[in-house]
C-alpha atoms as a PDB file:
ATOM      1  CA  MET A   1     109.930 139.203 207.550  1.00  0.00           C
ATOM      2  CA  GLY A   2     112.405 140.828 209.923  1.00  0.00           C
ATOM      3  CA  GLU A   3     112.986 144.208 211.537  1.00  0.00           C
ATOM      4  CA  TRP A   4     114.756 145.519 208.415  1.00  0.00           C
ATOM      5  CA  HIS A   5     112.013 144.576 205.957  1.00  0.00           C
ATOM      6  CA  PRO A   6     109.735 147.185 204.311  1.00  0.00           C
ATOM      7  CA  GLU A   7     106.839 144.701 204.099  1.00  0.00           C
ATOM      8  CA  CYS A   8     106.041 145.134 207.792  1.00  0.00           C
ATOM      9  CA  PRO A   9     103.029 145.041 210.150  1.00  0.00           C
ATOM     10  CA  ALA A  10     103.167 148.831 210.475  1.00  0.00           C
ATOM     11  CA  ARG A  11     101.754 149.045 206.940  1.00  0.00           C
ATOM     12  CA  LEU A  12      98.320 147.865 208.022  1.00  0.00           C
ATOM     13  CA  GLN A  13      98.423 150.023 211.144  1.00  0.00           C
ATOM     14  CA  ALA A  14      99.212 153.058 208.997  1.00  0.00           C
ATOM     15  CA  ILE A  15      96.113 152.336 206.922  1.00  0.00           C
ATOM     16  CA  GLU A  16      93.987 151.984 210.062  1.00  0.00           C
ATOM     17  CA  ASP A  17      95.339 155.239 211.475  1.00  0.00           C
ATOM     18  CA  GLN A  18      94.607 157.180 208.294  1.00  0.00           C
ATOM     19  CA  LEU A  19      91.095 155.743 208.039  1.00  0.00           C
ATOM     20  CA  ILE A  20      90.393 156.954 211.551  1.00  0.00           C
ATOM     21  CA  ALA A  21      91.945 160.370 210.878  1.00  0.00           C
ATOM     22  CA  SER A  22      89.923 160.742 207.678  1.00  0.00           C
ATOM     23  CA  ARG A  23      86.646 160.163 209.563  1.00  0.00           C
ATOM     24  CA  ILE A  24      85.399 157.585 207.068  1.00  0.00           C
ATOM     25  CA  ASP A  25      86.275 154.669 209.354  1.00  0.00           C
ATOM     26  CA  ALA A  26      82.743 154.583 210.778  1.00  0.00           C
ATOM     27  CA  LEU A  27      81.249 154.225 207.294  1.00  0.00           C
ATOM     28  CA  ILE A  28      83.136 151.007 206.534  1.00  0.00           C
ATOM     29  CA  GLU A  29      81.682 147.558 207.192  1.00  0.00           C
ATOM     30  CA  ARG A  30      84.431 145.226 208.392  1.00  0.00           C
ATOM     31  CA  GLU A  31      84.774 141.446 208.361  1.00  0.00           C
ATOM     32  CA  SER A  32      87.616 139.286 209.621  1.00  0.00           C
ATOM     33  CA  PRO A  33      88.719 136.959 206.837  1.00  0.00           C
ATOM     34  CA  PRO A  34      88.640 133.169 207.004  1.00  0.00           C
ATOM     35  CA  LEU A  35      91.529 130.914 206.092  1.00  0.00           C
ATOM     36  CA  VAL A  36      91.376 130.072 202.404  1.00  0.00           C
ATOM     37  CA  GLU A  37      90.428 126.522 201.451  1.00  0.00           C
ATOM     38  CA  GLU A  38      93.201 124.597 199.738  1.00  0.00           C
ATOM     39  CA  ALA A  39      90.917 123.865 196.783  1.00  0.00           C
ATOM     40  CA  ALA A  40      90.759 127.605 196.060  1.00  0.00           C
ATOM     41  CA  LEU A  41      94.561 127.875 196.095  1.00  0.00           C
ATOM     42  CA  LEU A  42      94.847 124.919 193.740  1.00  0.00           C
ATOM     43  CA  ARG A  43      92.824 126.730 191.072  1.00  0.00           C
ATOM     44  CA  VAL A  44      95.940 128.893 190.611  1.00  0.00           C
ATOM     45  CA  HIS A  45      98.875 127.208 192.338  1.00  0.00           C
ATOM     46  CA  THR A  46     100.340 123.733 191.922  1.00  0.00           C
ATOM     47  CA  GLN A  47     100.002 121.194 194.706  1.00  0.00           C
ATOM     48  CA  ALA A  48     103.797 121.095 194.902  1.00  0.00           C
ATOM     49  CA  HIS A  49     103.919 124.851 195.529  1.00  0.00           C
ATOM     50  CA  VAL A  50     101.299 124.731 198.287  1.00  0.00           C
ATOM     51  CA  ASP A  51     103.090 121.781 199.900  1.00  0.00           C
ATOM     52  CA  TYR A  52     106.447 123.571 199.638  1.00  0.00           C
ATOM     53  CA  ILE A  53     105.219 126.731 201.362  1.00  0.00           C
ATOM     54  CA  ARG A  54     103.525 124.660 204.056  1.00  0.00           C
ATOM     55  CA  GLY A  55     106.684 122.614 204.530  1.00  0.00           C
ATOM     56  CA  ARG A  56     108.949 125.676 204.744  1.00  0.00           C
ATOM     57  CA  SER A  57     106.950 127.190 207.600  1.00  0.00           C
ATOM     58  CA  PRO A  58     109.404 127.357 210.536  1.00  0.00           C
ATOM     59  CA  GLN A  59     108.704 126.537 214.165  1.00  0.00           C
ATOM     60  CA  THR A  60     110.934 129.421 215.237  1.00  0.00           C
ATOM     61  CA  GLY A  61     112.929 132.154 213.525  1.00  0.00           C
ATOM     62  CA  TYR A  62     112.878 132.664 209.772  1.00  0.00           C
ATOM     63  CA  ALA A  63     112.950 130.458 206.686  1.00  0.00           C
ATOM     64  CA  GLU A  64     114.256 132.197 203.569  1.00  0.00           C
ATOM     65  CA  ILE A  65     112.281 131.670 200.348  1.00  0.00           C
ATOM     66  CA  ASP A  66     114.338 134.102 198.283  1.00  0.00           C
ATOM     67  CA  PRO A  67     116.691 136.953 199.288  1.00  0.00           C
ATOM     68  CA  ASP A  68     113.703 139.315 199.731  1.00  0.00           C
ATOM     69  CA  THR A  69     111.092 136.879 201.022  1.00  0.00           C
ATOM     70  CA  SER A  70     111.098 135.001 204.322  1.00  0.00           C
ATOM     71  CA  MET A  71     108.628 133.072 206.456  1.00  0.00           C
ATOM     72  CA  ASN A  72     108.240 133.239 210.220  1.00  0.00           C
ATOM     73  CA  PRO A  73     106.064 130.875 212.297  1.00  0.00           C
ATOM     74  CA  HIS A  74     102.959 132.978 211.526  1.00  0.00           C
ATOM     75  CA  THR A  75     103.466 133.546 207.783  1.00  0.00           C
ATOM     76  CA  TRP A  76     101.635 130.418 206.642  1.00  0.00           C
ATOM     77  CA  GLN A  77      98.468 131.385 208.530  1.00  0.00           C
ATOM     78  CA  ALA A  78      98.739 135.018 207.393  1.00  0.00           C
ATOM     79  CA  ALA A  79      99.103 133.975 203.746  1.00  0.00           C
ATOM     80  CA  LEU A  80      96.071 131.679 204.025  1.00  0.00           C
ATOM     81  CA  ARG A  81      94.070 134.491 205.575  1.00  0.00           C
ATOM     82  CA  ALA A  82      95.133 137.039 202.938  1.00  0.00           C
ATOM     83  CA  ALA A  83      93.929 134.749 200.158  1.00  0.00           C
ATOM     84  CA  GLY A  84      90.882 133.898 202.266  1.00  0.00           C
ATOM     85  CA  ALA A  85      90.003 137.589 202.475  1.00  0.00           C
ATOM     86  CA  ALA A  86      90.051 137.901 198.690  1.00  0.00           C
ATOM     87  CA  VAL A  87      87.829 134.834 198.255  1.00  0.00           C
ATOM     88  CA  ALA A  88      85.405 135.876 201.007  1.00  0.00           C
ATOM     89  CA  ALA A  89      85.183 139.387 199.546  1.00  0.00           C
ATOM     90  CA  THR A  90      84.429 137.881 196.137  1.00  0.00           C
ATOM     91  CA  ASP A  91      81.607 135.806 197.625  1.00  0.00           C
ATOM     92  CA  ALA A  92      80.202 138.803 199.508  1.00  0.00           C
ATOM     93  CA  VAL A  93      80.221 141.092 196.468  1.00  0.00           C
ATOM     94  CA  ILE A  94      78.777 138.503 194.060  1.00  0.00           C
ATOM     95  CA  GLU A  95      76.075 137.617 196.587  1.00  0.00           C
ATOM     96  CA  GLY A  96      75.190 141.308 196.853  1.00  0.00           C
ATOM     97  CA  ARG A  97      76.080 141.807 200.517  1.00  0.00           C
ATOM     98  CA  TYR A  98      78.499 144.583 199.523  1.00  0.00           C
ATOM     99  CA  ASP A  99      78.806 146.744 196.434  1.00  0.00           C
ATOM    100  CA  ASN A 100      82.585 146.386 196.520  1.00  0.00           C
ATOM    101  CA  ALA A 101      85.378 145.496 198.922  1.00  0.00           C
ATOM    102  CA  PHE A 102      88.944 146.422 199.813  1.00  0.00           C
ATOM    103  CA  CYS A 103      91.081 143.704 201.414  1.00  0.00           C
ATOM    104  CA  SER A 104      93.694 145.251 203.710  1.00  0.00           C
ATOM    105  CA  VAL A 105      95.965 142.222 203.744  1.00  0.00           C
ATOM    106  CA  ARG A 106      99.518 141.075 204.191  1.00  0.00           C
ATOM    107  CA  PRO A 107     101.378 139.335 202.664  1.00  0.00           C
ATOM    108  CA  PRO A 108     100.721 140.724 199.165  1.00  0.00           C
ATOM    109  CA  GLY A 109     100.255 138.375 196.226  1.00  0.00           C
ATOM    110  CA  HIS A 110     100.808 139.565 192.677  1.00  0.00           C
ATOM    111  CA  HIS A 111     104.393 138.294 192.317  1.00  0.00           C
ATOM    112  CA  ALA A 112     103.444 134.750 193.386  1.00  0.00           C
ATOM    113  CA  GLU A 113     103.475 132.546 190.299  1.00  0.00           C
ATOM    114  CA  PRO A 114     101.600 129.232 190.064  1.00  0.00           C
ATOM    115  CA  ALA A 115     104.717 127.320 191.177  1.00  0.00           C
ATOM    116  CA  ARG A 116     106.916 129.979 192.824  1.00  0.00           C
ATOM    117  CA  ALA A 117     106.810 132.394 195.755  1.00  0.00           C
ATOM    118  CA  MET A 118     108.817 135.585 195.298  1.00  0.00           C
ATOM    119  CA  GLY A 119     108.844 139.338 195.874  1.00  0.00           C
ATOM    120  CA  PHE A 120     107.254 139.258 199.368  1.00  0.00           C
ATOM    121  CA  CYS A 121     104.398 137.090 197.967  1.00  0.00           C
ATOM    122  CA  PHE A 122     103.448 133.467 198.739  1.00  0.00           C
ATOM    123  CA  PHE A 123      99.973 132.979 197.206  1.00  0.00           C
ATOM    124  CA  ASN A 124      98.442 135.203 194.538  1.00  0.00           C
ATOM    125  CA  ASN A 125      95.445 136.647 196.361  1.00  0.00           C
ATOM    126  CA  VAL A 126      93.882 138.415 193.371  1.00  0.00           C
ATOM    127  CA  ALA A 127      94.454 135.492 191.002  1.00  0.00           C
ATOM    128  CA  VAL A 128      92.893 133.077 193.499  1.00  0.00           C
ATOM    129  CA  ALA A 129      89.887 135.372 193.872  1.00  0.00           C
ATOM    130  CA  ALA A 130      89.485 135.860 190.116  1.00  0.00           C
ATOM    131  CA  ARG A 131      89.652 132.125 189.451  1.00  0.00           C
ATOM    132  CA  HIS A 132      87.123 131.600 192.274  1.00  0.00           C
ATOM    133  CA  ALA A 133      84.725 134.016 190.547  1.00  0.00           C
ATOM    134  CA  LEU A 134      85.124 132.123 187.275  1.00  0.00           C
ATOM    135  CA  GLU A 135      85.061 128.558 188.552  1.00  0.00           C
ATOM    136  CA  ALA A 136      82.901 128.688 191.694  1.00  0.00           C
ATOM    137  CA  HIS A 137      80.450 131.396 190.612  1.00  0.00           C
ATOM    138  CA  GLY A 138      80.400 130.778 186.871  1.00  0.00           C
ATOM    139  CA  LEU A 139      81.316 134.257 185.690  1.00  0.00           C
ATOM    140  CA  GLN A 140      82.330 134.422 182.039  1.00  0.00           C
ATOM    141  CA  ARG A 141      84.616 137.482 181.995  1.00  0.00           C
ATOM    142  CA  VAL A 142      86.624 139.176 184.737  1.00  0.00           C
ATOM    143  CA  ALA A 143      89.138 141.989 184.522  1.00  0.00           C
ATOM    144  CA  ILE A 144      92.218 142.483 186.683  1.00  0.00           C
ATOM    145  CA  VAL A 145      93.646 145.981 187.098  1.00  0.00           C
ATOM    146  CA  ASP A 146      97.141 146.242 188.606  1.00  0.00           C
ATOM    147  CA  PHE A 147      98.586 149.665 189.424  1.00  0.00           C
ATOM    148  CA  ASP A 148     101.490 148.561 191.625  1.00  0.00           C
ATOM    149  CA  VAL A 149     104.865 150.060 190.650  1.00  0.00           C
ATOM    150  CA  HIS A 150     106.136 146.506 189.998  1.00  0.00           C
ATOM    151  CA  HIS A 151     104.762 144.284 187.244  1.00  0.00           C
ATOM    152  CA  GLY A 152     102.399 141.561 188.490  1.00  0.00           C
ATOM    153  CA  ASN A 153     104.331 138.685 186.966  1.00  0.00           C
ATOM    154  CA  GLY A 154     102.487 136.079 189.009  1.00  0.00           C
ATOM    155  CA  THR A 155      99.070 137.229 187.860  1.00  0.00           C
ATOM    156  CA  GLU A 156     100.277 137.356 184.273  1.00  0.00           C
ATOM    157  CA  ALA A 157     101.681 133.827 184.563  1.00  0.00           C
ATOM    158  CA  ALA A 158      98.348 132.574 185.915  1.00  0.00           C
ATOM    159  CA  PHE A 159      96.183 134.095 183.176  1.00  0.00           C
ATOM    160  CA  SER A 160      98.294 134.771 180.074  1.00  0.00           C
ATOM    161  CA  GLY A 161      96.262 133.552 177.111  1.00  0.00           C
ATOM    162  CA  ASP A 162      93.062 132.978 179.134  1.00  0.00           C
ATOM    163  CA  SER A 163      90.328 134.731 177.139  1.00  0.00           C
ATOM    164  CA  ARG A 164      88.056 134.918 180.185  1.00  0.00           C
ATOM    165  CA  VAL A 165      90.469 137.341 181.888  1.00  0.00           C
ATOM    166  CA  LEU A 166      91.645 140.774 180.757  1.00  0.00           C
ATOM    167  CA  MET A 167      94.620 142.079 182.739  1.00  0.00           C
ATOM    168  CA  CYS A 168      95.452 145.790 182.547  1.00  0.00           C
ATOM    169  CA  SER A 169      98.597 147.036 184.245  1.00  0.00           C
ATOM    170  CA  PHE A 170     101.175 149.767 184.214  1.00  0.00           C
ATOM    171  CA  PHE A 171     104.507 149.445 185.949  1.00  0.00           C
ATOM    172  CA  GLN A 172     107.914 151.058 186.141  1.00  0.00           C
ATOM    173  CA  HIS A 173     110.253 149.547 183.533  1.00  0.00           C
ATOM    174  CA  PRO A 174     112.979 148.390 183.560  1.00  0.00           C
ATOM    175  CA  PHE A 175     112.468 147.383 187.179  1.00  0.00           C
ATOM    176  CA  TYR A 176     111.877 144.334 189.363  1.00  0.00           C
ATOM    177  CA  PRO A 177     110.778 141.679 188.411  1.00  0.00           C
ATOM    178  CA  PHE A 178     111.905 142.630 184.874  1.00  0.00           C
ATOM    179  CA  THR A 179     108.856 141.080 183.211  1.00  0.00           C
ATOM    180  CA  GLY A 180     105.770 142.275 181.378  1.00  0.00           C
ATOM    181  CA  ALA A 181     107.239 144.361 178.575  1.00  0.00           C
ATOM    182  CA  ASP A 182     107.576 141.453 176.158  1.00  0.00           C
ATOM    183  CA  ASN A 183     104.309 139.565 176.698  1.00  0.00           C
ATOM    184  CA  HIS A 184     102.175 139.709 173.578  1.00  0.00           C
ATOM    185  CA  ALA A 185      99.236 137.624 174.807  1.00  0.00           C
ATOM    186  CA  ALA A 186      95.995 139.110 173.524  1.00  0.00           C
ATOM    187  CA  ASN A 187      94.485 139.401 177.011  1.00  0.00           C
ATOM    188  CA  MET A 188      97.408 141.317 178.539  1.00  0.00           C
ATOM    189  CA  VAL A 189      97.369 145.131 178.379  1.00  0.00           C
ATOM    190  CA  ASN A 190     100.821 145.868 179.779  1.00  0.00           C
ATOM    191  CA  VAL A 191     101.993 149.476 179.860  1.00  0.00           C
ATOM    192  CA  PRO A 192     105.683 149.781 180.830  1.00  0.00           C
ATOM    193  CA  MET A 193     106.411 153.289 182.160  1.00  0.00           C
ATOM    194  CA  PRO A 194     109.817 154.913 182.534  1.00  0.00           C
ATOM    195  CA  ALA A 195     111.108 155.943 185.951  1.00  0.00           C
ATOM    196  CA  ARG A 196     109.932 159.371 187.102  1.00  0.00           C
ATOM    197  CA  SER A 197     106.620 159.065 185.236  1.00  0.00           C
ATOM    198  CA  LYS A 198     104.037 161.276 186.915  1.00  0.00           C
ATOM    199  CA  GLY A 199     100.298 161.129 187.252  1.00  0.00           C
ATOM    200  CA  MET A 200      99.437 162.855 183.976  1.00  0.00           C
ATOM    201  CA  GLU A 201     101.480 160.344 181.950  1.00  0.00           C
ATOM    202  CA  VAL A 202      99.810 157.468 183.772  1.00  0.00           C
ATOM    203  CA  ARG A 203      96.343 158.943 183.278  1.00  0.00           C
ATOM    204  CA  GLU A 204      96.991 159.405 179.576  1.00  0.00           C
ATOM    205  CA  ALA A 205      98.162 155.779 179.231  1.00  0.00           C
ATOM    206  CA  VAL A 206      95.111 154.481 181.108  1.00  0.00           C
ATOM    207  CA  ASP A 207      92.796 156.649 179.011  1.00  0.00           C
ATOM    208  CA  MET A 208      94.292 155.562 175.703  1.00  0.00           C
ATOM    209  CA  LEU A 209      95.268 151.936 176.365  1.00  0.00           C
ATOM    210  CA  TRP A 210      93.270 150.490 179.285  1.00  0.00           C
ATOM    211  CA  LEU A 211      89.833 152.011 178.973  1.00  0.00           C
ATOM    212  CA  PRO A 212      89.080 151.083 175.329  1.00  0.00           C
ATOM    213  CA  ARG A 213      90.005 147.461 176.049  1.00  0.00           C
ATOM    214  CA  LEU A 214      87.935 147.368 179.244  1.00  0.00           C
ATOM    215  CA  HIS A 215      84.906 148.810 177.456  1.00  0.00           C
ATOM    216  CA  ALA A 216      85.282 146.267 174.658  1.00  0.00           C
ATOM    217  CA  PHE A 217      85.719 143.386 177.128  1.00  0.00           C
ATOM    218  CA  LYS A 218      82.679 144.271 179.287  1.00  0.00           C
ATOM    219  CA  PRO A 219      83.870 142.505 182.449  1.00  0.00           C
ATOM    220  CA  GLU A 220      81.318 140.980 184.812  1.00  0.00           C
ATOM    221  CA  MET A 221      83.584 141.758 187.787  1.00  0.00           C
ATOM    222  CA  ILE A 222      86.823 143.681 188.340  1.00  0.00           C
ATOM    223  CA  PHE A 223      89.692 142.735 190.636  1.00  0.00           C
ATOM    224  CA  VAL A 224      92.297 145.314 191.611  1.00  0.00           C
ATOM    225  CA  SER A 225      95.888 144.650 192.628  1.00  0.00           C
ATOM    226  CA  ALA A 226      96.123 147.868 194.608  1.00  0.00           C
ATOM    227  CA  GLY A 227      99.780 148.672 195.091  1.00  0.00           C
ATOM    228  CA  PHE A 228     100.610 152.195 196.225  1.00  0.00           C
ATOM    229  CA  ASP A 229     104.389 152.121 195.748  1.00  0.00           C
ATOM    230  CA  ALA A 230     104.223 154.237 192.577  1.00  0.00           C
ATOM    231  CA  HIS A 231     103.612 157.169 194.963  1.00  0.00           C
ATOM    232  CA  ARG A 232     106.215 159.906 194.678  1.00  0.00           C
ATOM    233  CA  GLU A 233     107.155 159.487 198.373  1.00  0.00           C
ATOM    234  CA  ASP A 234     107.782 155.729 198.118  1.00  0.00           C
ATOM    235  CA  ASP A 235     111.469 154.808 197.987  1.00  0.00           C
ATOM    236  CA  LEU A 236     110.875 151.275 196.653  1.00  0.00           C
ATOM    237  CA  GLY A 237     109.793 152.741 193.333  1.00  0.00           C
ATOM    238  CA  ASN A 238     110.692 155.797 191.311  1.00  0.00           C
ATOM    239  CA  MET A 239     107.400 157.070 189.940  1.00  0.00           C
ATOM    240  CA  GLY A 240     105.501 160.240 190.768  1.00  0.00           C
ATOM    241  CA  LEU A 241     101.876 159.426 191.583  1.00  0.00           C
ATOM    242  CA  VAL A 242      99.958 161.171 194.386  1.00  0.00           C
ATOM    243  CA  GLU A 243      96.691 160.450 196.201  1.00  0.00           C
ATOM    244  CA  ALA A 244      94.588 162.248 193.571  1.00  0.00           C
ATOM    245  CA  ASP A 245      95.947 159.890 190.909  1.00  0.00           C
ATOM    246  CA  TYR A 246      94.854 156.820 192.881  1.00  0.00           C
ATOM    247  CA  ALA A 247      91.415 158.365 193.343  1.00  0.00           C
ATOM    248  CA  TRP A 248      91.214 159.019 189.582  1.00  0.00           C
ATOM    249  CA  LEU A 249      92.331 155.475 188.739  1.00  0.00           C
ATOM    250  CA  THR A 250      89.726 154.061 191.118  1.00  0.00           C
ATOM    251  CA  ASP A 251      87.041 156.287 189.620  1.00  0.00           C
ATOM    252  CA  GLN A 252      87.825 154.907 186.155  1.00  0.00           C
ATOM    253  CA  VAL A 253      87.615 151.325 187.421  1.00  0.00           C
ATOM    254  CA  ARG A 254      84.363 152.064 189.233  1.00  0.00           C
ATOM    255  CA  GLU A 255      82.833 153.608 186.114  1.00  0.00           C
ATOM    256  CA  ILE A 256      83.621 150.469 184.104  1.00  0.00           C
ATOM    257  CA  ALA A 257      82.279 148.275 186.904  1.00  0.00           C
ATOM    258  CA  ASN A 258      79.065 150.288 187.175  1.00  0.00           C
ATOM    259  CA  ARG A 259      78.493 150.069 183.442  1.00  0.00           C
ATOM    260  CA  TYR A 260      79.173 146.376 182.873  1.00  0.00           C
ATOM    261  CA  ALA A 261      79.679 144.551 186.193  1.00  0.00           C
ATOM    262  CA  ARG A 262      76.869 145.754 188.481  1.00  0.00           C
ATOM    263  CA  GLY A 263      79.531 147.731 190.333  1.00  0.00           C
ATOM    264  CA  ARG A 264      81.315 144.583 191.480  1.00  0.00           C
ATOM    265  CA  ILE A 265      84.922 145.286 192.509  1.00  0.00           C
ATOM    266  CA  VAL A 266      87.261 143.449 194.872  1.00  0.00           C
ATOM    267  CA  SER A 267      90.517 145.285 195.582  1.00  0.00           C
ATOM    268  CA  CYS A 268      93.464 143.737 197.416  1.00  0.00           C
ATOM    269  CA  LEU A 269      96.434 145.556 198.908  1.00  0.00           C
ATOM    270  CA  GLU A 270      99.736 144.851 197.189  1.00  0.00           C
ATOM    271  CA  GLY A 271     102.728 147.206 197.658  1.00  0.00           C
ATOM    272  CA  GLY A 272     103.136 150.579 199.324  1.00  0.00           C
ATOM    273  CA  TYR A 273     105.973 151.068 201.773  1.00  0.00           C
ATOM    274  CA  ASN A 274     106.121 154.741 202.739  1.00  0.00           C
ATOM    275  CA  LEU A 275     103.721 154.466 205.666  1.00  0.00           C
ATOM    276  CA  SER A 276     102.247 157.957 205.461  1.00  0.00           C
ATOM    277  CA  ALA A 277     101.814 157.874 201.678  1.00  0.00           C
ATOM    278  CA  LEU A 278     100.350 154.365 201.879  1.00  0.00           C
ATOM    279  CA  GLY A 279      97.730 155.317 204.441  1.00  0.00           C
ATOM    280  CA  ARG A 280      96.716 158.480 202.596  1.00  0.00           C
ATOM    281  CA  SER A 281      96.553 156.683 199.248  1.00  0.00           C
ATOM    282  CA  VAL A 282      94.394 153.853 200.594  1.00  0.00           C
ATOM    283  CA  VAL A 283      91.980 156.426 202.043  1.00  0.00           C
ATOM    284  CA  ALA A 284      91.753 158.059 198.596  1.00  0.00           C
ATOM    285  CA  HIS A 285      91.171 154.628 197.015  1.00  0.00           C
ATOM    286  CA  ILE A 286      88.463 153.657 199.523  1.00  0.00           C
ATOM    287  CA  ARG A 287      86.729 157.038 199.213  1.00  0.00           C
ATOM    288  CA  ALA A 288      86.552 156.517 195.452  1.00  0.00           C
ATOM    289  CA  LEU A 289      85.326 152.934 195.834  1.00  0.00           C
ATOM    290  CA  ALA A 290      82.598 154.180 198.173  1.00  0.00           C
ATOM    291  CA  GLY A 291      81.758 157.192 196.025  1.00  0.00           C
ATOM    292  CA  ILE A 292      82.264 159.665 198.867  1.00  0.00           C
END
């Protein structure tokens, strides 16, 4: 999105570097993602939104979507591939080719609403994947867990009031995008957290507020909006999580998935902008997903 922008290609390279350094790289099966089919996008997004993003794609330079979010000539393809990764991972996990999957993708997705791109996001990768599991594979209940430092307003907008989806999230509040604290939909478990909240406060909230609802819901599959910008080293947020907290969170999700969902989890990268902290946190997340 420009040399100044925190949502940069170096994020994915930092993850690759840490996977290699951690010596678990060789244990990971990798697939290059396809471009998402438009029909999959349209399960979440309006035709007008898809057409708008396609039409804004520049031949050269940058096209501004909002003050934080711009497109370059490659953004359209990258956004299609990010959503395509989430859909392909969903197919692979439901078909039993993998126990679970982590999609190391850019651009992120959880701020993208059905009719609006914002907050570095163009299409809502996790929402598209969750709707694909429901509509294309016939699942009855899916859960979405979002531990990004920012509230996933786009995911909430897509599923608020949909009894087939339980969304559990915590997020720094008040903070961008200034949503989530006032939604009283029965299927939304929103936990606003004050700035400077540390891992123990988050773990307590998850234990008391998320886990009882997840056990009661008995999801058939779990999707994770895996943002790592609540890390104490990340300047885009002001929370105090560390790698061990992300491992613990992932362990809780995996336990629910093993009990009710045949272990089926698809996790998609959202935020995380301190490159070292991001790479280390993703390694902790993947280790927990893999049970190693």
